[in-house]
């Protein structure tokens, strides 16, 4: 019932419900870009919904910006503590795979900033730089709102975003993106070589300085250090393939890019993303940590 001064609670909830459905992908997307974790992003999204449902939204002119700001503030708190936890993470850390495209269980705003390569670049930024970059360069929020999230001055927020932008641009220059067609071609040939146990074929697809990263988190058998060198990577892949022959290897869109999903005993065993330059795989990233695969 209305109190005579504005819309009643049920009216506000109805209005929020309509706005929430359209803005939820932005809320989840902001949290995922900041945290690199589907599980944490889902928790943040739920927190934002509860905060919005209990707030008076009548004076909020831009609901999307308000919701994304709330998500960023909560994510910033988690991000600061997550960096401490990552120091004790067993082996290399990789972002939790996010299914996009037709396989996605929920809509998400997709651009290069949800790719595994970009998330790893942003992982090298300080938490304030990452927040400033994501909110301004990806979501277009004004620096006044970003300053509030980070508890800094507006010039300070602008400087953080500028510094992050330069660092991201420099990192991207060292690993240019392959076209969709090239990625499809290389991964198709790679899958065939892997399934055939064709060591020479794998070597031909891997850059001489290729790096193999496996994230088991101490909960699955995985190399705890990076494996470097195309021939060495191919040998390890071929040996692992013989030891646990996958039931099947499927293609899936992960973080907006084509990836490989390995199945074993009817369950997802790993999600593999790659960096491709000039037709060769320069980085091969495999997520085996079961905690990061349960939502697949």
C-alpha atoms as a PDB file:
ATOM      1  CA  UNK A   1       0.000   0.000   0.000  1.00  0.00           C
ATOM      2  CA  UNK A   2       1.233   3.521  -0.768  1.00  0.00           C
ATOM      3  CA  UNK A   3       2.084   5.813   2.151  1.00  0.00           C
ATOM      4  CA  UNK A   4       0.811   8.846   0.234  1.00  0.00           C
ATOM      5  CA  UNK A   5       4.314  10.138  -0.461  1.00  0.00           C
ATOM      6  CA  UNK A   6       5.347   7.903  -3.335  1.00  0.00           C
ATOM      7  CA  UNK A   7       5.071   4.372  -4.660  1.00  0.00           C
ATOM      8  CA  UNK A   8       4.244   1.633  -2.167  1.00  0.00           C
ATOM      9  CA  UNK A   9       6.573  -1.245  -1.344  1.00  0.00           C
ATOM     10  CA  UNK A  10       4.934  -3.631  -3.802  1.00  0.00           C
ATOM     11  CA  UNK A  11       5.118  -1.020  -6.559  1.00  0.00           C
ATOM     12  CA  UNK A  12       8.819  -0.472  -5.888  1.00  0.00           C
ATOM     13  CA  UNK A  13       9.500  -4.199  -5.870  1.00  0.00           C
ATOM     14  CA  UNK A  14       7.654  -4.578  -9.184  1.00  0.00           C
ATOM     15  CA  UNK A  15       9.688  -1.714 -10.628  1.00  0.00           C
ATOM     16  CA  UNK A  16      12.944  -3.149  -9.304  1.00  0.00           C
ATOM     17  CA  UNK A  17      12.053  -6.556 -10.688  1.00  0.00           C
ATOM     18  CA  UNK A  18      11.700  -5.156 -14.191  1.00  0.00           C
ATOM     19  CA  UNK A  19      14.893  -3.140 -13.922  1.00  0.00           C
ATOM     20  CA  UNK A  20      16.766  -5.972 -12.252  1.00  0.00           C
ATOM     21  CA  UNK A  21      16.223  -8.381 -15.124  1.00  0.00           C
ATOM     22  CA  UNK A  22      17.734  -5.928 -17.588  1.00  0.00           C
ATOM     23  CA  UNK A  23      20.630  -4.870 -15.344  1.00  0.00           C
ATOM     24  CA  UNK A  24      21.518  -8.187 -13.711  1.00  0.00           C
ATOM     25  CA  UNK A  25      24.003  -9.131 -16.493  1.00  0.00           C
ATOM     26  CA  UNK A  26      25.880  -5.876 -15.797  1.00  0.00           C
ATOM     27  CA  UNK A  27      25.914  -6.534 -12.045  1.00  0.00           C
ATOM     28  CA  UNK A  28      27.191 -10.086 -12.461  1.00  0.00           C
ATOM     29  CA  UNK A  29      29.580  -9.006 -15.213  1.00  0.00           C
ATOM     30  CA  UNK A  30      31.152  -6.276 -13.098  1.00  0.00           C
ATOM     31  CA  UNK A  31      31.679  -8.676 -10.182  1.00  0.00           C
ATOM     32  CA  UNK A  32      33.139 -11.413 -12.400  1.00  0.00           C
ATOM     33  CA  UNK A  33      35.565  -9.024 -14.102  1.00  0.00           C
ATOM     34  CA  UNK A  34      36.730  -7.781 -10.720  1.00  0.00           C
ATOM     35  CA  UNK A  35      37.033 -11.175  -9.036  1.00  0.00           C
ATOM     36  CA  UNK A  36      37.627 -13.763 -11.755  1.00  0.00           C
ATOM     37  CA  UNK A  37      35.305 -16.121  -9.880  1.00  0.00           C
ATOM     38  CA  UNK A  38      31.829 -17.211 -10.952  1.00  0.00           C
ATOM     39  CA  UNK A  39      31.007 -18.326  -7.407  1.00  0.00           C
ATOM     40  CA  UNK A  40      32.014 -14.999  -5.850  1.00  0.00           C
ATOM     41  CA  UNK A  41      30.269 -13.050  -8.611  1.00  0.00           C
ATOM     42  CA  UNK A  42      27.048 -14.955  -7.958  1.00  0.00           C
ATOM     43  CA  UNK A  43      27.308 -14.173  -4.235  1.00  0.00           C
ATOM     44  CA  UNK A  44      27.884 -10.485  -4.975  1.00  0.00           C
ATOM     45  CA  UNK A  45      24.921 -10.444  -7.347  1.00  0.00           C
ATOM     46  CA  UNK A  46      22.695 -11.900  -4.633  1.00  0.00           C
ATOM     47  CA  UNK A  47      23.991  -9.311  -2.136  1.00  0.00           C
ATOM     48  CA  UNK A  48      23.222  -6.496  -4.575  1.00  0.00           C
ATOM     49  CA  UNK A  49      19.686  -7.794  -5.095  1.00  0.00           C
ATOM     50  CA  UNK A  50      19.040  -7.879  -1.352  1.00  0.00           C
ATOM     51  CA  UNK A  51      20.506  -4.391  -0.920  1.00  0.00           C
ATOM     52  CA  UNK A  52      18.356  -3.033  -3.750  1.00  0.00           C
ATOM     53  CA  UNK A  53      15.200  -4.748  -2.497  1.00  0.00           C
ATOM     54  CA  UNK A  54      15.637  -3.068   0.890  1.00  0.00           C
ATOM     55  CA  UNK A  55      16.573   0.382  -0.402  1.00  0.00           C
ATOM     56  CA  UNK A  56      14.459   3.393  -1.328  1.00  0.00           C
ATOM     57  CA  UNK A  57      15.134   3.692  -5.053  1.00  0.00           C
ATOM     58  CA  UNK A  58      12.789   6.594  -5.784  1.00  0.00           C
ATOM     59  CA  UNK A  59      15.565   9.174  -5.980  1.00  0.00           C
ATOM     60  CA  UNK A  60      17.956   7.049  -8.017  1.00  0.00           C
ATOM     61  CA  UNK A  61      18.128   8.410 -11.547  1.00  0.00           C
ATOM     62  CA  UNK A  62      20.398   5.762 -13.090  1.00  0.00           C
ATOM     63  CA  UNK A  63      19.528   2.353 -11.658  1.00  0.00           C
ATOM     64  CA  UNK A  64      22.157   0.511 -13.713  1.00  0.00           C
ATOM     65  CA  UNK A  65      24.971   2.755 -12.464  1.00  0.00           C
ATOM     66  CA  UNK A  66      23.728   2.436  -8.875  1.00  0.00           C
ATOM     67  CA  UNK A  67      23.551  -1.364  -9.031  1.00  0.00           C
ATOM     68  CA  UNK A  68      26.987  -1.687 -10.656  1.00  0.00           C
ATOM     69  CA  UNK A  69      28.445   0.666  -8.043  1.00  0.00           C
ATOM     70  CA  UNK A  70      27.018  -1.440  -5.214  1.00  0.00           C
ATOM     71  CA  UNK A  71      28.451  -4.566  -6.864  1.00  0.00           C
ATOM     72  CA  UNK A  72      31.846  -2.892  -7.253  1.00  0.00           C
ATOM     73  CA  UNK A  73      31.967  -1.798  -3.618  1.00  0.00           C
ATOM     74  CA  UNK A  74      31.239  -5.337  -2.409  1.00  0.00           C
ATOM     75  CA  UNK A  75      33.660  -6.843  -4.937  1.00  0.00           C
ATOM     76  CA  UNK A  76      36.382  -4.416  -3.887  1.00  0.00           C
ATOM     77  CA  UNK A  77      36.169  -5.683  -0.312  1.00  0.00           C
ATOM     78  CA  UNK A  78      36.414  -9.293  -1.520  1.00  0.00           C
ATOM     79  CA  UNK A  79      39.197  -8.470  -3.970  1.00  0.00           C
ATOM     80  CA  UNK A  80      41.433  -7.048  -1.269  1.00  0.00           C
ATOM     81  CA  UNK A  81      41.126 -10.185   0.863  1.00  0.00           C
ATOM     82  CA  UNK A  82      41.320 -12.499  -2.164  1.00  0.00           C
ATOM     83  CA  UNK A  83      44.774 -11.231  -3.034  1.00  0.00           C
ATOM     84  CA  UNK A  84      45.960 -12.347   0.387  1.00  0.00           C
ATOM     85  CA  UNK A  85      44.369 -15.795  -0.071  1.00  0.00           C
ATOM     86  CA  UNK A  86      45.955 -16.183  -3.512  1.00  0.00           C
ATOM     87  CA  UNK A  87      49.396 -16.007  -1.933  1.00  0.00           C
ATOM     88  CA  UNK A  88      48.702 -19.385  -0.329  1.00  0.00           C
ATOM     89  CA  UNK A  89      46.967 -20.861  -3.398  1.00  0.00           C
ATOM     90  CA  UNK A  90      48.541 -24.167  -4.419  1.00  0.00           C
ATOM     91  CA  UNK A  91      50.120 -23.836  -7.856  1.00  0.00           C
ATOM     92  CA  UNK A  92      49.190 -21.311 -10.565  1.00  0.00           C
ATOM     93  CA  UNK A  93      45.852 -19.500 -10.285  1.00  0.00           C
ATOM     94  CA  UNK A  94      43.555 -19.149 -13.290  1.00  0.00           C
ATOM     95  CA  UNK A  95      40.136 -17.468 -13.512  1.00  0.00           C
ATOM     96  CA  UNK A  96      37.082 -19.657 -13.022  1.00  0.00           C
ATOM     97  CA  UNK A  97      35.742 -20.534 -16.510  1.00  0.00           C
ATOM     98  CA  UNK A  98      32.636 -18.584 -17.461  1.00  0.00           C
ATOM     99  CA  UNK A  99      30.453 -20.179 -20.111  1.00  0.00           C
ATOM    100  CA  UNK A 100      29.169 -17.613 -22.597  1.00  0.00           C
ATOM    101  CA  UNK A 101      27.258 -17.887 -25.847  1.00  0.00           C
ATOM    102  CA  UNK A 102      24.536 -20.533 -26.325  1.00  0.00           C
ATOM    103  CA  UNK A 103      25.888 -22.688 -23.459  1.00  0.00           C
ATOM    104  CA  UNK A 104      25.585 -19.936 -20.852  1.00  0.00           C
ATOM    105  CA  UNK A 105      23.219 -20.636 -17.973  1.00  0.00           C
ATOM    106  CA  UNK A 106      22.643 -16.917 -17.478  1.00  0.00           C
ATOM    107  CA  UNK A 107      23.069 -13.811 -19.632  1.00  0.00           C
ATOM    108  CA  UNK A 108      26.320 -11.908 -19.252  1.00  0.00           C
ATOM    109  CA  UNK A 109      27.796  -8.897 -21.010  1.00  0.00           C
ATOM    110  CA  UNK A 110      30.555 -10.328 -23.206  1.00  0.00           C
ATOM    111  CA  UNK A 111      33.614  -8.508 -24.494  1.00  0.00           C
ATOM    112  CA  UNK A 112      37.357  -9.121 -24.367  1.00  0.00           C
ATOM    113  CA  UNK A 113      37.469  -8.154 -20.683  1.00  0.00           C
ATOM    114  CA  UNK A 114      35.917 -11.532 -19.702  1.00  0.00           C
ATOM    115  CA  UNK A 115      38.527 -13.560 -21.596  1.00  0.00           C
ATOM    116  CA  UNK A 116      41.036 -15.530 -19.550  1.00  0.00           C
ATOM    117  CA  UNK A 117      43.905 -13.517 -21.034  1.00  0.00           C
ATOM    118  CA  UNK A 118      42.405 -10.175 -19.998  1.00  0.00           C
ATOM    119  CA  UNK A 119      41.433 -11.414 -16.554  1.00  0.00           C
ATOM    120  CA  UNK A 120      45.027 -12.495 -15.998  1.00  0.00           C
ATOM    121  CA  UNK A 121      46.240  -9.086 -17.126  1.00  0.00           C
ATOM    122  CA  UNK A 122      43.843  -7.408 -14.691  1.00  0.00           C
ATOM    123  CA  UNK A 123      45.036  -9.766 -11.962  1.00  0.00           C
ATOM    124  CA  UNK A 124      48.369  -7.917 -12.149  1.00  0.00           C
ATOM    125  CA  UNK A 125      46.697  -4.582 -11.353  1.00  0.00           C
ATOM    126  CA  UNK A 126      46.281  -3.355  -7.801  1.00  0.00           C
ATOM    127  CA  UNK A 127      42.701  -3.708  -6.482  1.00  0.00           C
ATOM    128  CA  UNK A 128      42.009   0.064  -6.828  1.00  0.00           C
ATOM    129  CA  UNK A 129      43.404   0.092 -10.384  1.00  0.00           C
ATOM    130  CA  UNK A 130      41.290  -2.890 -11.345  1.00  0.00           C
ATOM    131  CA  UNK A 131      38.120  -1.344  -9.957  1.00  0.00           C
ATOM    132  CA  UNK A 132      38.781   2.003 -11.644  1.00  0.00           C
ATOM    133  CA  UNK A 133      39.555   0.337 -14.984  1.00  0.00           C
ATOM    134  CA  UNK A 134      36.529  -1.965 -14.992  1.00  0.00           C
ATOM    135  CA  UNK A 135      34.062   0.671 -13.849  1.00  0.00           C
ATOM    136  CA  UNK A 136      35.258   3.396 -16.213  1.00  0.00           C
ATOM    137  CA  UNK A 137      36.620   1.644 -19.299  1.00  0.00           C
ATOM    138  CA  UNK A 138      34.185  -1.283 -19.375  1.00  0.00           C
ATOM    139  CA  UNK A 139      31.013   0.107 -17.789  1.00  0.00           C
ATOM    140  CA  UNK A 140      31.432   3.814 -18.463  1.00  0.00           C
ATOM    141  CA  UNK A 141      30.804   5.046 -14.920  1.00  0.00           C
ATOM    142  CA  UNK A 142      31.801   8.595 -14.109  1.00  0.00           C
ATOM    143  CA  UNK A 143      34.824   9.187 -11.919  1.00  0.00           C
ATOM    144  CA  UNK A 144      32.726  10.679  -9.132  1.00  0.00           C
ATOM    145  CA  UNK A 145      31.060   7.316  -8.506  1.00  0.00           C
ATOM    146  CA  UNK A 146      34.360   5.464  -8.829  1.00  0.00           C
ATOM    147  CA  UNK A 147      35.931   7.822  -6.275  1.00  0.00           C
ATOM    148  CA  UNK A 148      33.147   6.972  -3.810  1.00  0.00           C
ATOM    149  CA  UNK A 149      33.725   3.230  -4.223  1.00  0.00           C
ATOM    150  CA  UNK A 150      37.475   3.559  -3.695  1.00  0.00           C
ATOM    151  CA  UNK A 151      37.268   6.347  -1.087  1.00  0.00           C
ATOM    152  CA  UNK A 152      39.651   8.557  -3.070  1.00  0.00           C
ATOM    153  CA  UNK A 153      39.401  11.956  -4.722  1.00  0.00           C
ATOM    154  CA  UNK A 154      38.006  12.289  -8.245  1.00  0.00           C
ATOM    155  CA  UNK A 155      41.481  13.146  -9.638  1.00  0.00           C
ATOM    156  CA  UNK A 156      42.800  10.122  -7.759  1.00  0.00           C
ATOM    157  CA  UNK A 157      40.202   7.860  -9.374  1.00  0.00           C
ATOM    158  CA  UNK A 158      41.020   9.284 -12.791  1.00  0.00           C
ATOM    159  CA  UNK A 159      44.732   8.665 -12.214  1.00  0.00           C
ATOM    160  CA  UNK A 160      44.100   5.062 -11.142  1.00  0.00           C
ATOM    161  CA  UNK A 161      42.083   4.367 -14.283  1.00  0.00           C
ATOM    162  CA  UNK A 162      44.701   6.006 -16.487  1.00  0.00           C
ATOM    163  CA  UNK A 163      47.532   4.007 -14.929  1.00  0.00           C
ATOM    164  CA  UNK A 164      45.562   0.764 -15.276  1.00  0.00           C
ATOM    165  CA  UNK A 165      44.723   1.553 -18.902  1.00  0.00           C
ATOM    166  CA  UNK A 166      48.390   2.018 -19.765  1.00  0.00           C
ATOM    167  CA  UNK A 167      49.368  -1.237 -18.075  1.00  0.00           C
ATOM    168  CA  UNK A 168      46.588  -3.160 -19.811  1.00  0.00           C
ATOM    169  CA  UNK A 169      47.469  -1.678 -23.206  1.00  0.00           C
ATOM    170  CA  UNK A 170      51.133  -2.569 -22.776  1.00  0.00           C
ATOM    171  CA  UNK A 171      50.282  -6.157 -21.814  1.00  0.00           C
ATOM    172  CA  UNK A 172      47.872  -6.555 -24.750  1.00  0.00           C
ATOM    173  CA  UNK A 173      50.551  -5.432 -27.207  1.00  0.00           C
ATOM    174  CA  UNK A 174      52.655  -8.426 -26.240  1.00  0.00           C
ATOM    175  CA  UNK A 175      49.863 -10.906 -27.014  1.00  0.00           C
ATOM    176  CA  UNK A 176      47.698  -9.884 -29.993  1.00  0.00           C
ATOM    177  CA  UNK A 177      44.331 -11.574 -30.341  1.00  0.00           C
ATOM    178  CA  UNK A 178      43.780 -14.266 -32.959  1.00  0.00           C
ATOM    179  CA  UNK A 179      40.702 -13.976 -35.153  1.00  0.00           C
ATOM    180  CA  UNK A 180      37.722 -16.205 -34.479  1.00  0.00           C
ATOM    181  CA  UNK A 181      38.406 -18.184 -37.661  1.00  0.00           C
ATOM    182  CA  UNK A 182      42.051 -18.714 -36.780  1.00  0.00           C
ATOM    183  CA  UNK A 183      41.155 -19.821 -33.264  1.00  0.00           C
ATOM    184  CA  UNK A 184      38.629 -22.332 -34.605  1.00  0.00           C
ATOM    185  CA  UNK A 185      41.144 -23.702 -37.101  1.00  0.00           C
ATOM    186  CA  UNK A 186      43.993 -24.087 -34.605  1.00  0.00           C
ATOM    187  CA  UNK A 187      41.811 -25.670 -31.915  1.00  0.00           C
ATOM    188  CA  UNK A 188      40.258 -28.111 -34.398  1.00  0.00           C
ATOM    189  CA  UNK A 189      43.701 -29.267 -35.548  1.00  0.00           C
ATOM    190  CA  UNK A 190      44.924 -29.382 -31.946  1.00  0.00           C
ATOM    191  CA  UNK A 191      42.002 -31.546 -30.816  1.00  0.00           C
ATOM    192  CA  UNK A 192      42.612 -33.986 -33.661  1.00  0.00           C
ATOM    193  CA  UNK A 193      46.328 -34.219 -32.834  1.00  0.00           C
ATOM    194  CA  UNK A 194      45.629 -34.647 -29.120  1.00  0.00           C
ATOM    195  CA  UNK A 195      43.053 -37.393 -29.677  1.00  0.00           C
ATOM    196  CA  UNK A 196      45.446 -39.194 -32.035  1.00  0.00           C
ATOM    197  CA  UNK A 197      48.381 -38.861 -29.647  1.00  0.00           C
ATOM    198  CA  UNK A 198      50.259 -37.148 -32.468  1.00  0.00           C
ATOM    199  CA  UNK A 199      53.283 -35.672 -30.694  1.00  0.00           C
ATOM    200  CA  UNK A 200      54.758 -34.152 -33.854  1.00  0.00           C
ATOM    201  CA  UNK A 201      51.394 -32.595 -34.677  1.00  0.00           C
ATOM    202  CA  UNK A 202      51.199 -30.995 -31.243  1.00  0.00           C
ATOM    203  CA  UNK A 203      54.730 -29.641 -31.558  1.00  0.00           C
ATOM    204  CA  UNK A 204      53.858 -28.018 -34.899  1.00  0.00           C
ATOM    205  CA  UNK A 205      50.950 -26.162 -33.267  1.00  0.00           C
ATOM    206  CA  UNK A 206      52.896 -24.899 -30.264  1.00  0.00           C
ATOM    207  CA  UNK A 207      55.164 -21.865 -30.338  1.00  0.00           C
ATOM    208  CA  UNK A 208      58.772 -22.758 -29.412  1.00  0.00           C
ATOM    209  CA  UNK A 209      58.388 -20.566 -26.310  1.00  0.00           C
ATOM    210  CA  UNK A 210      54.873 -21.773 -25.434  1.00  0.00           C
ATOM    211  CA  UNK A 211      53.867 -21.970 -21.786  1.00  0.00           C
ATOM    212  CA  UNK A 212      51.498 -24.542 -20.242  1.00  0.00           C
ATOM    213  CA  UNK A 213      49.604 -23.427 -17.114  1.00  0.00           C
ATOM    214  CA  UNK A 214      47.545 -25.878 -15.050  1.00  0.00           C
ATOM    215  CA  UNK A 215      45.308 -24.830 -12.159  1.00  0.00           C
ATOM    216  CA  UNK A 216      44.509 -27.697  -9.826  1.00  0.00           C
ATOM    217  CA  UNK A 217      44.381 -25.652  -6.636  1.00  0.00           C
ATOM    218  CA  UNK A 218      45.829 -28.564  -4.688  1.00  0.00           C
ATOM    219  CA  UNK A 219      42.583 -30.485  -5.260  1.00  0.00           C
ATOM    220  CA  UNK A 220      43.488 -32.245  -8.504  1.00  0.00           C
ATOM    221  CA  UNK A 221      46.716 -33.562  -9.965  1.00  0.00           C
ATOM    222  CA  UNK A 222      48.363 -30.682 -11.808  1.00  0.00           C
ATOM    223  CA  UNK A 223      51.802 -29.199 -12.354  1.00  0.00           C
ATOM    224  CA  UNK A 224      52.555 -26.656  -9.638  1.00  0.00           C
ATOM    225  CA  UNK A 225      54.925 -24.722 -11.880  1.00  0.00           C
ATOM    226  CA  UNK A 226      54.653 -23.422 -15.415  1.00  0.00           C
ATOM    227  CA  UNK A 227      55.880 -25.772 -18.133  1.00  0.00           C
ATOM    228  CA  UNK A 228      57.823 -23.907 -20.805  1.00  0.00           C
ATOM    229  CA  UNK A 229      58.908 -24.705 -24.351  1.00  0.00           C
ATOM    230  CA  UNK A 230      56.802 -26.081 -27.204  1.00  0.00           C
ATOM    231  CA  UNK A 231      58.419 -29.532 -27.339  1.00  0.00           C
ATOM    232  CA  UNK A 232      58.312 -29.944 -23.569  1.00  0.00           C
ATOM    233  CA  UNK A 233      54.642 -28.864 -23.432  1.00  0.00           C
ATOM    234  CA  UNK A 234      53.742 -31.280 -26.240  1.00  0.00           C
ATOM    235  CA  UNK A 235      55.505 -34.154 -24.459  1.00  0.00           C
ATOM    236  CA  UNK A 236      53.663 -33.466 -21.204  1.00  0.00           C
ATOM    237  CA  UNK A 237      50.315 -33.187 -22.982  1.00  0.00           C
ATOM    238  CA  UNK A 238      50.853 -36.419 -24.887  1.00  0.00           C
ATOM    239  CA  UNK A 239      51.881 -38.268 -21.724  1.00  0.00           C
ATOM    240  CA  UNK A 240      48.905 -36.956 -19.754  1.00  0.00           C
ATOM    241  CA  UNK A 241      46.618 -37.868 -22.649  1.00  0.00           C
ATOM    242  CA  UNK A 242      47.848 -41.480 -22.536  1.00  0.00           C
ATOM    243  CA  UNK A 243      47.449 -41.685 -18.756  1.00  0.00           C
ATOM    244  CA  UNK A 244      43.871 -40.453 -18.667  1.00  0.00           C
ATOM    245  CA  UNK A 245      42.269 -40.717 -22.058  1.00  0.00           C
ATOM    246  CA  UNK A 246      39.258 -38.355 -22.076  1.00  0.00           C
ATOM    247  CA  UNK A 247      35.793 -39.647 -22.912  1.00  0.00           C
ATOM    248  CA  UNK A 248      35.434 -36.784 -25.360  1.00  0.00           C
ATOM    249  CA  UNK A 249      36.668 -33.282 -26.072  1.00  0.00           C
ATOM    250  CA  UNK A 250      34.059 -30.650 -26.910  1.00  0.00           C
ATOM    251  CA  UNK A 251      34.218 -27.061 -28.057  1.00  0.00           C
ATOM    252  CA  UNK A 252      32.552 -24.399 -25.904  1.00  0.00           C
ATOM    253  CA  UNK A 253      32.539 -20.624 -25.698  1.00  0.00           C
ATOM    254  CA  UNK A 254      34.315 -19.577 -22.513  1.00  0.00           C
ATOM    255  CA  UNK A 255      34.836 -15.912 -21.692  1.00  0.00           C
ATOM    256  CA  UNK A 256      33.693 -14.985 -25.189  1.00  0.00           C
ATOM    257  CA  UNK A 257      36.274 -17.221 -26.895  1.00  0.00           C
ATOM    258  CA  UNK A 258      36.325 -20.762 -28.225  1.00  0.00           C
ATOM    259  CA  UNK A 259      37.772 -23.215 -25.706  1.00  0.00           C
ATOM    260  CA  UNK A 260      38.117 -26.971 -25.216  1.00  0.00           C
ATOM    261  CA  UNK A 261      36.188 -28.919 -22.574  1.00  0.00           C
ATOM    262  CA  UNK A 262      37.601 -32.319 -21.615  1.00  0.00           C
ATOM    263  CA  UNK A 263      35.235 -34.962 -20.199  1.00  0.00           C
ATOM    264  CA  UNK A 264      36.273 -37.977 -18.180  1.00  0.00           C
ATOM    265  CA  UNK A 265      33.934 -40.576 -16.692  1.00  0.00           C
ATOM    266  CA  UNK A 266      31.000 -38.499 -17.850  1.00  0.00           C
ATOM    267  CA  UNK A 267      32.037 -35.331 -16.020  1.00  0.00           C
ATOM    268  CA  UNK A 268      33.905 -32.181 -16.949  1.00  0.00           C
ATOM    269  CA  UNK A 269      37.562 -32.836 -16.184  1.00  0.00           C
ATOM    270  CA  UNK A 270      39.125 -29.614 -17.453  1.00  0.00           C
ATOM    271  CA  UNK A 271      38.419 -26.431 -19.353  1.00  0.00           C
ATOM    272  CA  UNK A 272      41.274 -25.317 -21.600  1.00  0.00           C
ATOM    273  CA  UNK A 273      41.746 -21.846 -23.062  1.00  0.00           C
ATOM    274  CA  UNK A 274      44.560 -20.766 -25.350  1.00  0.00           C
ATOM    275  CA  UNK A 275      46.469 -17.738 -26.515  1.00  0.00           C
ATOM    276  CA  UNK A 276      47.214 -17.857 -30.249  1.00  0.00           C
ATOM    277  CA  UNK A 277      49.637 -15.651 -32.155  1.00  0.00           C
ATOM    278  CA  UNK A 278      50.450 -16.062 -35.852  1.00  0.00           C
ATOM    279  CA  UNK A 279      48.730 -19.429 -35.961  1.00  0.00           C
ATOM    280  CA  UNK A 280      50.686 -20.906 -33.045  1.00  0.00           C
ATOM    281  CA  UNK A 281      49.633 -21.536 -29.441  1.00  0.00           C
ATOM    282  CA  UNK A 282      51.759 -19.320 -27.189  1.00  0.00           C
ATOM    283  CA  UNK A 283      49.915 -20.029 -23.928  1.00  0.00           C
ATOM    284  CA  UNK A 284      47.788 -23.045 -23.019  1.00  0.00           C
ATOM    285  CA  UNK A 285      45.769 -22.699 -19.811  1.00  0.00           C
ATOM    286  CA  UNK A 286      44.017 -25.671 -18.196  1.00  0.00           C
ATOM    287  CA  UNK A 287      41.630 -25.399 -15.238  1.00  0.00           C
ATOM    288  CA  UNK A 288      41.343 -28.711 -13.379  1.00  0.00           C
ATOM    289  CA  UNK A 289      40.397 -27.447  -9.906  1.00  0.00           C
ATOM    290  CA  UNK A 290      37.019 -29.180  -9.331  1.00  0.00           C
ATOM    291  CA  UNK A 291      35.727 -26.204  -7.337  1.00  0.00           C
ATOM    292  CA  UNK A 292      36.001 -24.097 -10.480  1.00  0.00           C
ATOM    293  CA  UNK A 293      34.223 -26.678 -12.670  1.00  0.00           C
ATOM    294  CA  UNK A 294      31.215 -27.590 -10.536  1.00  0.00           C
ATOM    295  CA  UNK A 295      28.981 -24.970 -12.230  1.00  0.00           C
ATOM    296  CA  UNK A 296      29.672 -26.466 -15.635  1.00  0.00           C
END
